[in-house]
Amino acid sequence: MNSSLHDLLSKIIKIGTLIVRGTGGEQRYGSGGGRSVAIRFTDEKAEKALLRDPQLQLGQLYMDGQLLVEEGDIYEFLALIKDNTLSEGLTFGMVVRGIGRMIEAQFRHRVPINHNRKNVSHHYDLDEKLFSLFLDEDWQYSCAYFNPPGISLDEAQIAKKRHIVAKLLAEPGQKALEIGSGWGGMAMYLSESSGVDVTGITLSTEQLKISRERAAIRGLANSVRFELQDYYYLPPTKSYDRIVSIGMFEHVGRLNYKKFFGKVNDVLADDGIMVLHSIGQPYPAIYNNPWIEKYIFPGGYIPSLAEVLPAIEKAGLLVSDVEILPMHYAYTLRHWRERFMANREKAAALYDERFVRMWEFYLAASEMAFTHEAFHIFQIQIVKKRQAVPDNRDYIYEKEEELRAFEQGRLPLDKIAV
């Protein structure tokens, strides 16, 4: 094994066991008592690449089959590293690359170019069959709500929709906007459960096509419509009683928070309510993870509440409720990863083995962010007038009971005769 990599791993791995196999034989690190993982490098070049730039190269080496996990899985390996990571394990080269990425990130934030359409297409315009391999039956590609604990992924995704719609206090005859409408599941649930006219906007042509098809099957063409539309270009003359956005805010970019909430202020009715559901991190990031930026979500940024709340206030809006869901996305991602890996042969047939390893790494690394780095989900309820919502939270749970009754009579999409 490369001597510098050996020295680095000797400093880092104190808890658990890491076995590293390579061209120079086998090395064991750690004192045991925790996770036990064995990996293998296919050549010395891979060892040097990892040492040079671990943030980028770890995922790339796994994708390319140059780093193999022979005991345990990639999540266990990432979690073992995170269990042990200490600042003194950084090399001079890693520090230099980190500084370079900070400078690049600052430049990019100050010289913005609108790549929204391109960035969304990179991820969400993949083959629709891919998402069917691991999502729930309603294709909810955002954090589920595991309340009560231990329910299935399908039940938890319904619970998520129920919880958010309860916070919206939607009523028949109102007009609602969904910013980032995905494959249409939330818009259809909101319309059917509450009698609301819903407009969903997206920048994904694939999601747009499927959303319209699904709404037609449910017979909702007159009450639910989907448009290929950037939120920033919504006409300010339109007004919506309710606005919901789930899993889209992570793609806005922190330089655009003022624009985003300014647009919300433009189109939200004076007595309206918005619910924003987003991944959050415990403090503002200096720069994005380079592997995620390159391969999964180009242009994405996970906000902290410290960045979001001032932008809401500066837009003239009021925060009426904030809820933190700390571990629900970890549970969601575990379900997705297990489902995806159970269908890895189908995924490889759609793309190839390298793609499968890329997505396994993406799902595992994302799960680890919630189990080890204090990432969470926040749901912010936003209003213009304090009187738009009750002064206690009992209404949420009362409304959820009404929505459960609605769900009992709602047919799944695949049970509707066409």
Protein backbone atom coordinates (compact mmCIF):
# COMPACT_ATOMS: atom_id res chain seq x y z
CA MET A 1 0.00 0.00 0.00
CA ASN A 2 1.04 3.58 -0.61
CA SER A 3 2.91 4.67 2.54
CA SER A 4 1.19 8.08 2.78
CA LEU A 5 -2.25 6.47 2.56
CA HIS A 6 -1.19 3.96 5.22
CA ASP A 7 -0.11 6.79 7.53
CA LEU A 8 -3.36 8.68 6.95
CA LEU A 9 -5.58 5.65 7.66
CA SER A 10 -3.52 4.87 10.77
CA LYS A 11 -4.33 8.35 12.09
CA ILE A 12 -8.03 8.24 11.18
CA ILE A 13 -9.28 4.74 12.02
CA LYS A 14 -9.37 4.28 15.79
CA ILE A 15 -12.86 2.85 16.33
CA GLY A 16 -14.05 -0.26 14.50
CA THR A 17 -12.05 -2.21 11.95
CA LEU A 18 -11.01 -1.36 8.41
CA ILE A 19 -9.20 -4.00 6.36
CA VAL A 20 -7.51 -2.67 3.24
CA ARG A 21 -6.30 -5.06 0.54
CA GLY A 22 -4.16 -3.92 -2.34
CA THR A 23 -1.07 -4.53 -4.38
CA GLY A 24 1.10 -4.71 -1.25
CA GLY A 25 -1.03 -7.19 0.65
CA GLU A 26 -3.48 -6.61 3.51
CA GLN A 27 -3.46 -3.98 6.28
CA ARG A 28 -5.77 -3.76 9.28
CA TYR A 29 -6.70 -0.49 11.01
CA GLY A 30 -8.65 0.28 14.17
CA SER A 31 -9.09 -1.30 17.56
CA GLY A 32 -12.33 -3.14 16.79
CA GLY A 33 -15.52 -2.79 18.77
CA GLY A 34 -17.54 -1.08 16.06
CA ARG A 35 -18.15 -1.45 12.34
CA SER A 36 -16.02 -3.90 10.40
CA VAL A 37 -15.42 -3.26 6.69
CA ALA A 38 -12.96 -4.65 4.15
CA ILE A 39 -12.07 -2.84 0.93
CA ARG A 40 -9.72 -3.58 -1.93
CA PHE A 41 -7.86 -1.28 -4.32
CA THR A 42 -7.28 -2.72 -7.78
CA ASP A 43 -3.98 -0.87 -8.27
CA GLU A 44 -1.58 1.61 -6.69
CA LYS A 45 -2.84 4.36 -8.98
CA ALA A 46 -6.23 4.18 -7.25
CA GLU A 47 -4.57 4.49 -3.82
CA LYS A 48 -2.71 7.62 -4.90
CA ALA A 49 -5.86 9.13 -6.41
CA LEU A 50 -7.77 8.67 -3.17
CA LEU A 51 -4.99 10.24 -1.14
CA ARG A 52 -4.76 13.19 -3.53
CA ASP A 53 -8.46 14.20 -3.43
CA PRO A 54 -10.69 11.94 -1.29
CA GLN A 55 -13.81 14.11 -1.54
CA LEU A 56 -13.97 13.64 -5.30
CA GLN A 57 -12.01 10.46 -5.86
CA LEU A 58 -13.71 8.15 -3.35
CA GLY A 59 -16.95 8.17 -5.32
CA GLN A 60 -15.17 8.06 -8.67
CA LEU A 61 -13.02 5.10 -7.69
CA TYR A 62 -16.08 3.22 -6.45
CA MET A 63 -17.96 4.03 -9.67
CA ASP A 64 -15.05 2.88 -11.82
CA GLY A 65 -14.58 -0.38 -9.92
CA GLN A 66 -11.11 0.58 -8.69
CA LEU A 67 -12.23 0.49 -5.07
CA LEU A 68 -14.23 -2.60 -4.09
CA VAL A 69 -16.07 -3.21 -0.82
CA GLU A 70 -15.54 -6.89 -0.07
CA GLU A 71 -17.00 -7.05 3.45
CA GLY A 72 -19.87 -4.79 4.46
CA ASP A 73 -21.22 -2.28 1.95
CA ILE A 74 -20.44 1.22 0.78
CA TYR A 75 -22.68 2.84 3.41
CA GLU A 76 -20.88 0.95 6.20
CA PHE A 77 -17.53 2.05 4.78
CA LEU A 78 -18.57 5.70 4.60
CA ALA A 79 -20.07 5.53 8.10
CA LEU A 80 -16.88 3.93 9.48
CA ILE A 81 -14.80 6.76 8.05
CA LYS A 82 -17.22 9.35 9.44
CA ASP A 83 -17.23 7.65 12.85
CA ASN A 84 -13.48 8.32 12.97
CA THR A 85 -12.81 11.45 10.93
CA LEU A 86 -10.55 13.92 12.71
CA SER A 87 -9.17 17.21 11.42
CA GLU A 88 -5.56 16.12 12.01
CA GLY A 89 -6.05 13.46 9.33
CA LEU A 90 -6.02 16.12 6.59
CA THR A 91 -2.98 16.29 4.33
CA PHE A 92 -1.55 19.50 2.89
CA GLY A 93 -2.89 18.59 -0.56
CA MET A 94 -6.43 18.12 0.81
CA VAL A 95 -6.29 21.52 2.51
CA VAL A 96 -5.11 23.21 -0.70
CA ARG A 97 -7.92 21.61 -2.71
CA GLY A 98 -10.42 22.67 -0.07
CA ILE A 99 -9.26 26.29 -0.29
CA GLY A 100 -9.48 26.12 -4.07
CA ARG A 101 -13.05 24.87 -3.89
CA MET A 102 -13.97 27.66 -1.46
CA ILE A 103 -12.63 30.27 -3.91
CA GLU A 104 -14.42 28.63 -6.84
CA ALA A 105 -17.70 28.49 -4.91
CA GLN A 106 -17.45 32.16 -3.93
CA PHE A 107 -16.79 33.16 -7.54
CA ARG A 108 -19.68 31.05 -8.83
CA HIS A 109 -22.09 32.59 -6.30
CA ARG A 110 -21.05 36.11 -7.30
CA VAL A 111 -21.20 35.53 -11.07
CA PRO A 112 -24.49 33.63 -11.40
CA ILE A 113 -25.59 32.05 -14.66
CA ASN A 114 -29.05 30.53 -14.90
CA HIS A 115 -28.42 26.85 -15.55
CA ASN A 116 -31.68 25.76 -13.87
CA ARG A 117 -33.08 23.91 -16.87
CA LYS A 118 -29.80 22.14 -17.64
CA ASN A 119 -29.18 21.19 -14.00
CA VAL A 120 -32.69 19.79 -13.52
CA SER A 121 -32.45 17.78 -16.74
CA HIS A 122 -29.16 16.22 -15.61
CA HIS A 123 -30.92 14.33 -12.83
CA TYR A 124 -34.68 14.34 -13.31
CA ASP A 125 -34.82 13.59 -17.04
CA LEU A 126 -33.27 10.16 -16.60
CA ASP A 127 -35.27 7.15 -17.81
CA GLU A 128 -38.55 7.00 -15.91
CA LYS A 129 -38.07 3.25 -15.43
CA LEU A 130 -35.08 4.00 -13.19
CA PHE A 131 -37.20 5.82 -10.62
CA SER A 132 -39.85 3.09 -10.68
CA LEU A 133 -37.19 0.67 -9.37
CA PHE A 134 -36.93 2.29 -5.93
CA LEU A 135 -39.63 4.92 -5.29
CA ASP A 136 -43.02 4.30 -3.70
CA GLU A 137 -46.11 3.68 -5.80
CA ASP A 138 -46.78 7.44 -6.06
CA TRP A 139 -43.21 8.28 -7.12
CA GLN A 140 -42.50 10.65 -4.24
CA TYR A 141 -38.84 11.63 -4.65
CA SER A 142 -38.49 13.48 -1.36
CA CYS A 143 -38.34 12.67 2.35
CA ALA A 144 -41.13 10.48 3.68
CA TYR A 145 -42.70 10.95 7.12
CA PHE A 146 -42.37 7.81 9.23
CA ASN A 147 -45.10 8.57 11.71
CA PRO A 148 -45.83 6.24 13.40
CA PRO A 149 -42.37 4.65 13.34
CA GLY A 150 -41.93 1.41 11.45
CA ILE A 151 -44.51 1.99 8.73
CA SER A 152 -43.74 1.08 5.13
CA LEU A 153 -42.27 3.49 2.60
CA ASP A 154 -45.61 3.76 0.80
CA GLU A 155 -47.41 4.55 4.06
CA ALA A 156 -44.74 7.06 5.06
CA GLN A 157 -45.01 8.92 1.75
CA ILE A 158 -48.76 9.17 2.18
CA ALA A 159 -48.16 10.43 5.73
CA LYS A 160 -45.82 13.11 4.31
CA LYS A 161 -48.48 14.37 1.90
CA ARG A 162 -51.10 14.26 4.64
CA HIS A 163 -48.91 16.23 7.06
CA ILE A 164 -48.10 18.95 4.54
CA VAL A 165 -51.65 19.33 3.25
CA ALA A 166 -52.87 19.61 6.85
CA LYS A 167 -50.48 22.53 7.36
CA LEU A 168 -51.80 24.21 4.21
CA LEU A 169 -55.36 24.38 5.60
CA ALA A 170 -56.63 24.10 2.04
CA GLU A 171 -60.33 24.59 1.32
CA PRO A 172 -62.56 23.85 -1.69
CA GLY A 173 -62.45 26.48 -4.42
CA GLN A 174 -59.00 27.78 -3.58
CA LYS A 175 -56.17 28.05 -6.11
CA ALA A 176 -52.86 26.43 -5.25
CA LEU A 177 -49.38 26.48 -6.77
CA GLU A 178 -46.79 23.75 -6.42
CA ILE A 179 -43.24 24.90 -7.16
CA GLY A 180 -41.35 21.83 -8.31
CA SER A 181 -44.21 19.40 -8.92
CA GLY A 182 -42.22 16.21 -9.53
CA TRP A 183 -44.34 13.44 -10.97
CA GLY A 184 -47.55 15.09 -9.79
CA GLY A 185 -48.38 13.09 -6.68
CA MET A 186 -48.71 15.98 -4.24
CA ALA A 187 -50.71 18.15 -6.63
CA MET A 188 -53.20 15.34 -7.26
CA TYR A 189 -53.49 14.49 -3.56
CA LEU A 190 -54.06 18.16 -2.67
CA SER A 191 -56.73 18.60 -5.33
CA GLU A 192 -58.62 15.40 -4.56
CA SER A 193 -58.46 15.69 -0.78
CA SER A 194 -59.29 19.38 -0.47
CA GLY A 195 -61.17 20.42 -3.61
CA VAL A 196 -58.40 22.79 -4.66
CA ASP A 197 -57.48 23.89 -8.19
CA VAL A 198 -53.75 23.19 -8.51
CA THR A 199 -51.06 24.39 -10.92
CA GLY A 200 -47.79 22.50 -10.73
CA ILE A 201 -44.62 23.85 -12.34
CA THR A 202 -41.46 21.93 -13.19
CA LEU A 203 -38.33 22.24 -15.32
CA SER A 204 -38.19 18.52 -16.13
CA THR A 205 -39.75 17.52 -19.45
CA GLU A 206 -39.93 13.87 -18.35
CA GLN A 207 -41.72 14.72 -15.11
CA LEU A 208 -44.07 17.04 -16.99
CA LYS A 209 -45.07 14.30 -19.41
CA ILE A 210 -45.69 11.71 -16.71
CA SER A 211 -47.54 14.16 -14.44
CA ARG A 212 -49.98 15.04 -17.19
CA GLU A 213 -50.53 11.38 -18.01
CA ARG A 214 -51.20 10.51 -14.38
CA ALA A 215 -53.59 13.43 -13.87
CA ALA A 216 -55.55 12.36 -16.95
CA ILE A 217 -55.87 8.82 -15.60
CA ARG A 218 -57.24 10.17 -12.32
CA GLY A 219 -59.72 12.37 -14.22
CA LEU A 220 -58.21 15.58 -12.87
CA ALA A 221 -57.54 17.44 -16.12
CA ASN A 222 -59.95 20.21 -15.12
CA SER A 223 -58.55 20.77 -11.62
CA VAL A 224 -54.85 19.93 -11.89
CA ARG A 225 -52.54 21.24 -14.58
CA PHE A 226 -48.76 21.02 -15.00
CA GLU A 227 -46.54 23.50 -16.82
CA LEU A 228 -42.90 23.66 -17.89
CA GLN A 229 -42.14 26.85 -16.02
CA ASP A 230 -39.35 28.48 -14.02
CA TYR A 231 -40.75 29.93 -10.77
CA TYR A 232 -38.88 33.18 -11.38
CA TYR A 233 -40.95 33.96 -14.48
CA LEU A 234 -44.36 33.44 -12.89
CA PRO A 235 -46.46 36.50 -13.73
CA PRO A 236 -46.95 38.68 -10.61
CA THR A 237 -50.54 39.33 -11.67
CA LYS A 238 -51.50 35.77 -10.68
CA SER A 239 -52.47 35.08 -7.08
CA TYR A 240 -52.57 31.75 -5.24
CA ASP A 241 -54.29 30.98 -1.95
CA ARG A 242 -51.88 28.17 -1.18
CA ILE A 243 -48.29 27.46 -2.27
CA VAL A 244 -46.34 24.29 -1.59
CA SER A 245 -42.79 23.38 -2.51
CA ILE A 246 -41.26 20.00 -1.64
CA GLY A 247 -37.67 19.06 -2.35
CA MET A 248 -37.17 21.86 -4.87
CA PHE A 249 -35.60 24.57 -2.71
CA GLU A 250 -32.30 22.67 -2.67
CA HIS A 251 -31.93 23.63 -6.35
CA VAL A 252 -32.59 27.36 -5.92
CA GLY A 253 -29.05 28.32 -4.83
CA ARG A 254 -28.34 30.64 -1.92
CA LEU A 255 -27.71 33.64 -4.17
CA ASN A 256 -31.33 33.35 -5.34
CA TYR A 257 -33.17 33.15 -2.00
CA LYS A 258 -34.13 36.81 -2.23
CA LYS A 259 -35.58 36.22 -5.72
CA PHE A 260 -37.40 33.08 -4.62
CA PHE A 261 -39.17 34.57 -1.63
CA GLY A 262 -39.74 37.83 -3.49
CA LYS A 263 -41.65 35.81 -6.09
CA VAL A 264 -43.58 34.02 -3.34
CA ASN A 265 -44.56 37.40 -1.96
CA ASP A 266 -45.70 38.47 -5.44
CA VAL A 267 -48.01 35.51 -6.05
CA LEU A 268 -49.23 34.52 -2.56
CA ALA A 269 -52.65 35.92 -1.64
CA ASP A 270 -52.77 38.31 1.31
CA ASP A 271 -54.43 35.67 3.50
CA GLY A 272 -52.53 32.80 1.84
CA ILE A 273 -50.34 30.06 3.30
CA MET A 274 -47.18 28.45 1.96
CA VAL A 275 -45.41 25.31 3.17
CA LEU A 276 -41.76 24.90 2.21
CA HIS A 277 -40.23 21.41 2.69
CA SER A 278 -36.49 21.20 2.18
CA ILE A 279 -33.32 19.40 3.20
CA GLY A 280 -31.34 21.49 5.65
CA GLN A 281 -27.89 21.36 7.15
CA PRO A 282 -26.83 22.62 10.59
CA TYR A 283 -24.69 25.50 9.33
CA PRO A 284 -23.95 27.23 6.01
CA ALA A 285 -21.61 25.23 3.78
CA ILE A 286 -18.39 26.75 2.45
CA TYR A 287 -18.65 24.71 -0.75
CA ASN A 288 -20.59 21.74 -2.12
CA ASN A 289 -19.37 18.16 -2.03
CA PRO A 290 -17.46 17.97 -5.34
CA TRP A 291 -18.61 14.43 -6.23
CA ILE A 292 -22.30 15.26 -5.69
CA GLU A 293 -21.84 18.51 -7.62
CA LYS A 294 -20.23 16.74 -10.58
CA TYR A 295 -22.31 13.59 -10.91
CA ILE A 296 -25.66 13.98 -9.14
CA PHE A 297 -26.95 17.51 -8.49
CA PRO A 298 -24.97 20.17 -10.39
CA GLY A 299 -25.82 23.60 -9.07
CA GLY A 300 -27.56 22.26 -5.97
CA TYR A 301 -27.04 23.68 -2.48
CA ILE A 302 -28.37 22.47 0.87
CA PRO A 303 -29.40 25.51 2.93
CA SER A 304 -29.26 26.12 6.65
CA LEU A 305 -32.09 27.83 8.49
CA ALA A 306 -29.67 30.66 9.26
CA GLU A 307 -29.63 31.44 5.53
CA VAL A 308 -33.33 30.87 4.81
CA LEU A 309 -35.13 32.67 7.63
CA PRO A 310 -33.56 36.12 6.99
CA ALA A 311 -34.47 35.84 3.28
CA ILE A 312 -38.10 35.13 4.20
CA GLU A 313 -38.23 38.10 6.54
CA LYS A 314 -36.56 40.45 4.06
CA ALA A 315 -39.20 39.52 1.47
CA GLY A 316 -41.89 40.87 3.81
CA LEU A 317 -43.22 37.41 4.71
CA LEU A 318 -43.87 35.90 8.15
CA VAL A 319 -42.79 32.53 9.48
CA SER A 320 -45.75 30.99 11.29
CA ASP A 321 -44.37 27.52 11.99
CA VAL A 322 -41.09 25.61 11.71
CA GLU A 323 -40.80 21.85 12.15
CA ILE A 324 -37.57 19.84 12.03
CA LEU A 325 -37.64 16.18 10.95
CA PRO A 326 -34.14 14.96 11.91
CA MET A 327 -34.01 11.30 10.86
CA HIS A 328 -36.89 10.72 8.47
CA TYR A 329 -34.76 11.17 5.36
CA ALA A 330 -32.22 8.64 6.66
CA TYR A 331 -35.05 6.10 6.86
CA THR A 332 -36.30 7.11 3.41
CA LEU A 333 -32.88 6.79 1.81
CA ARG A 334 -32.32 3.39 3.41
CA HIS A 335 -35.57 2.16 1.83
CA TRP A 336 -34.58 3.62 -1.54
CA ARG A 337 -31.10 2.09 -1.45
CA GLU A 338 -32.38 -1.35 -0.47
CA ARG A 339 -35.02 -1.25 -3.21
CA PHE A 340 -32.53 0.00 -5.77
CA MET A 341 -30.00 -2.70 -4.95
CA ALA A 342 -32.70 -5.36 -5.09
CA ASN A 343 -33.28 -4.18 -8.68
CA ARG A 344 -29.65 -3.55 -9.62
CA GLU A 345 -29.79 -5.87 -12.63
CA LYS A 346 -32.72 -3.91 -14.07
CA ALA A 347 -30.88 -0.64 -13.42
CA ALA A 348 -27.76 -1.99 -15.14
CA ALA A 349 -29.89 -3.02 -18.13
CA LEU A 350 -31.18 0.56 -18.39
CA TYR A 351 -27.68 2.06 -18.12
CA ASP A 352 -24.62 0.02 -17.03
CA GLU A 353 -22.78 -1.29 -13.96
CA ARG A 354 -20.87 1.96 -13.51
CA PHE A 355 -24.17 3.85 -13.30
CA VAL A 356 -25.44 1.36 -10.70
CA ARG A 357 -22.36 1.92 -8.54
CA MET A 358 -22.75 5.69 -8.95
CA TRP A 359 -26.33 5.61 -7.69
CA GLU A 360 -25.53 3.21 -4.89
CA PHE A 361 -22.81 5.59 -3.75
CA TYR A 362 -25.14 8.59 -4.07
CA LEU A 363 -27.88 6.97 -1.98
CA ALA A 364 -25.42 5.68 0.64
CA ALA A 365 -23.58 9.00 0.95
CA SER A 366 -26.87 10.87 1.23
CA GLU A 367 -28.09 8.53 3.97
CA MET A 368 -24.84 9.05 5.86
CA ALA A 369 -25.34 12.83 5.77
CA PHE A 370 -28.47 12.35 7.88
CA THR A 371 -27.09 9.69 10.20
CA HIS A 372 -23.69 11.31 10.80
CA GLU A 373 -23.69 15.00 9.80
CA ALA A 374 -26.90 16.38 11.38
CA PHE A 375 -28.61 17.02 8.06
CA HIS A 376 -32.38 17.19 8.50
CA ILE A 377 -35.65 18.20 6.87
CA PHE A 378 -37.27 21.50 7.75
CA GLN A 379 -40.85 22.43 7.00
CA ILE A 380 -41.53 26.16 7.17
CA GLN A 381 -45.06 27.51 7.11
CA ILE A 382 -45.10 31.03 5.65
CA VAL A 383 -47.86 33.65 5.66
CA LYS A 384 -48.38 37.35 5.05
CA LYS A 385 -50.83 37.80 7.92
CA ARG A 386 -50.45 36.15 11.31
CA GLN A 387 -54.22 35.53 11.43
CA ALA A 388 -54.01 33.22 8.40
CA VAL A 389 -53.32 30.24 10.69
CA PRO A 390 -54.57 29.29 14.18
CA ASP A 391 -52.48 30.16 17.23
CA ASN A 392 -51.92 26.51 18.18
CA ARG A 393 -50.89 23.38 16.28
CA ASP A 394 -53.93 21.25 17.13
CA TYR A 395 -55.47 22.02 13.75
CA ILE A 396 -52.71 20.05 12.02
CA TYR A 397 -53.56 16.81 13.78
CA GLU A 398 -57.31 17.37 13.45
CA LYS A 399 -56.92 17.93 9.72
CA GLU A 400 -54.76 14.83 9.41
CA GLU A 401 -57.60 12.75 10.81
CA GLU A 402 -59.94 14.13 8.13
CA LEU A 403 -57.37 13.33 5.46
CA ARG A 404 -57.00 9.75 6.71
CA ALA A 405 -60.72 9.30 6.14
CA PHE A 406 -60.32 10.62 2.58
CA GLU A 407 -57.46 8.20 1.93
CA GLN A 408 -59.59 5.18 2.83
CA GLY A 409 -61.72 5.70 -0.27
CA ARG A 410 -58.99 6.84 -2.67
CA LEU A 411 -58.03 4.31 -5.32
CA PRO A 412 -54.34 3.79 -6.13
CA LEU A 413 -53.44 4.89 -9.64
CA ASP A 414 -52.95 1.34 -10.90
CA LYS A 415 -56.47 0.38 -9.73
CA ILE A 416 -58.25 3.03 -11.82
CA ALA A 417 -59.92 1.67 -14.95
CA VAL A 418 -58.83 3.46 -18.11
